[in-house]
Amino acid sequence: MTVRQDDRLTDGMPMRPVRCRRCDGLVLARKSSWEQTSIQWTEEAMAACPSLADDRHATCPALLSAIREAVLNGELKIVDA
């Protein structure tokens, strides 16, 4: 199954690829604010993530860390910033 990028957002801030340093899974992510993160998982990333092995609805701490780092490095912008 291929995940299609969500183009319904109208503020011009697209989802950007972020790679997890732990499992090397690649997802699309968007930060609307520091508190809100949108993630689109691919089947490959879900299968590679050890944090999702028991609960597919869990949040991967390693991926969240990679997303925060991408924001701090300027690779991923925050919409409200």
Protein backbone atom coordinates (compact mmCIF):
# COMPACT_ATOMS: atom_id res chain seq x y z
CA MET A 1 0.00 0.00 0.00
CA THR A 2 1.32 3.41 -0.95
CA VAL A 3 0.48 6.46 1.16
CA ARG A 4 -0.54 9.47 -0.88
CA GLN A 5 0.62 12.91 0.27
CA ASP A 6 -2.21 15.00 1.74
CA ASP A 7 -2.45 18.14 -0.42
CA ARG A 8 -5.53 19.55 1.31
CA LEU A 9 -3.49 21.93 3.47
CA THR A 10 -3.94 25.48 2.23
CA ASP A 11 -1.26 27.36 4.15
CA GLY A 12 1.49 26.40 1.71
CA MET A 13 3.43 24.30 4.22
CA PRO A 14 3.70 20.78 2.74
CA MET A 15 4.61 17.62 4.59
CA ARG A 16 8.33 16.91 4.43
CA PRO A 17 10.26 13.63 4.58
CA VAL A 18 11.88 12.76 7.91
CA ARG A 19 13.95 9.63 8.50
CA CYS A 20 14.11 7.89 11.86
CA ARG A 21 17.68 7.40 13.07
CA ARG A 22 16.73 4.22 14.96
CA CYS A 23 15.03 2.12 12.25
CA ASP A 24 15.76 4.26 9.16
CA GLY A 25 12.02 4.46 8.39
CA LEU A 26 11.01 7.37 6.17
CA VAL A 27 7.75 9.22 6.92
CA LEU A 28 6.18 12.51 5.88
CA ALA A 29 5.86 15.00 8.72
CA ARG A 30 4.41 18.45 9.31
CA LYS A 31 4.57 20.66 12.39
CA SER A 32 1.60 22.99 12.77
CA SER A 33 2.97 24.09 16.14
CA TRP A 34 5.41 22.77 18.75
CA GLU A 35 2.49 20.86 20.26
CA GLN A 36 0.98 19.44 17.04
CA THR A 37 2.72 17.03 14.70
CA SER A 38 1.18 15.28 11.70
CA ILE A 39 2.84 12.10 10.46
CA GLN A 40 2.03 10.04 7.38
CA TRP A 41 3.48 6.56 7.73
CA THR A 42 4.36 4.31 4.81
CA GLU A 43 3.89 0.55 5.12
CA GLU A 44 7.69 0.16 4.94
CA ALA A 45 8.29 2.57 7.82
CA MET A 46 5.57 0.93 9.92
CA ALA A 47 7.09 -2.51 9.32
CA ALA A 48 10.59 -1.28 10.22
CA CYS A 49 9.62 0.53 13.44
CA PRO A 50 10.19 -1.59 16.57
CA SER A 51 8.03 0.81 18.61
CA LEU A 52 5.00 -0.11 16.49
CA ALA A 53 5.51 -3.88 16.73
CA ASP A 54 3.03 -4.27 19.61
CA ASP A 55 0.79 -1.26 18.99
CA ARG A 56 0.42 0.23 15.50
CA HIS A 57 -1.16 3.32 17.08
CA ALA A 58 1.77 4.02 19.38
CA THR A 59 4.05 7.01 18.98
CA CYS A 60 7.68 6.22 18.20
CA PRO A 61 9.92 8.25 20.54
CA ALA A 62 12.91 7.93 18.19
CA LEU A 63 10.90 9.32 15.28
CA LEU A 64 9.56 12.20 17.40
CA SER A 65 13.16 12.99 18.35
CA ALA A 66 14.17 13.00 14.67
CA ILE A 67 11.26 15.35 13.88
CA ARG A 68 12.26 17.74 16.70
CA GLU A 69 15.85 17.68 15.45
CA ALA A 70 14.66 18.42 11.89
CA VAL A 71 12.80 21.48 13.22
CA LEU A 72 15.80 22.68 15.23
CA ASN A 73 18.07 22.24 12.18
CA GLY A 74 15.65 24.17 9.95
CA GLU A 75 14.85 21.14 7.78
CA LEU A 76 11.21 21.15 8.91
CA LYS A 77 9.38 24.44 9.50
CA ILE A 78 6.69 25.09 12.09
CA VAL A 79 3.60 26.65 10.51
CA ASP A 80 2.75 28.89 13.49
CA ALA A 81 6.35 30.06 14.03
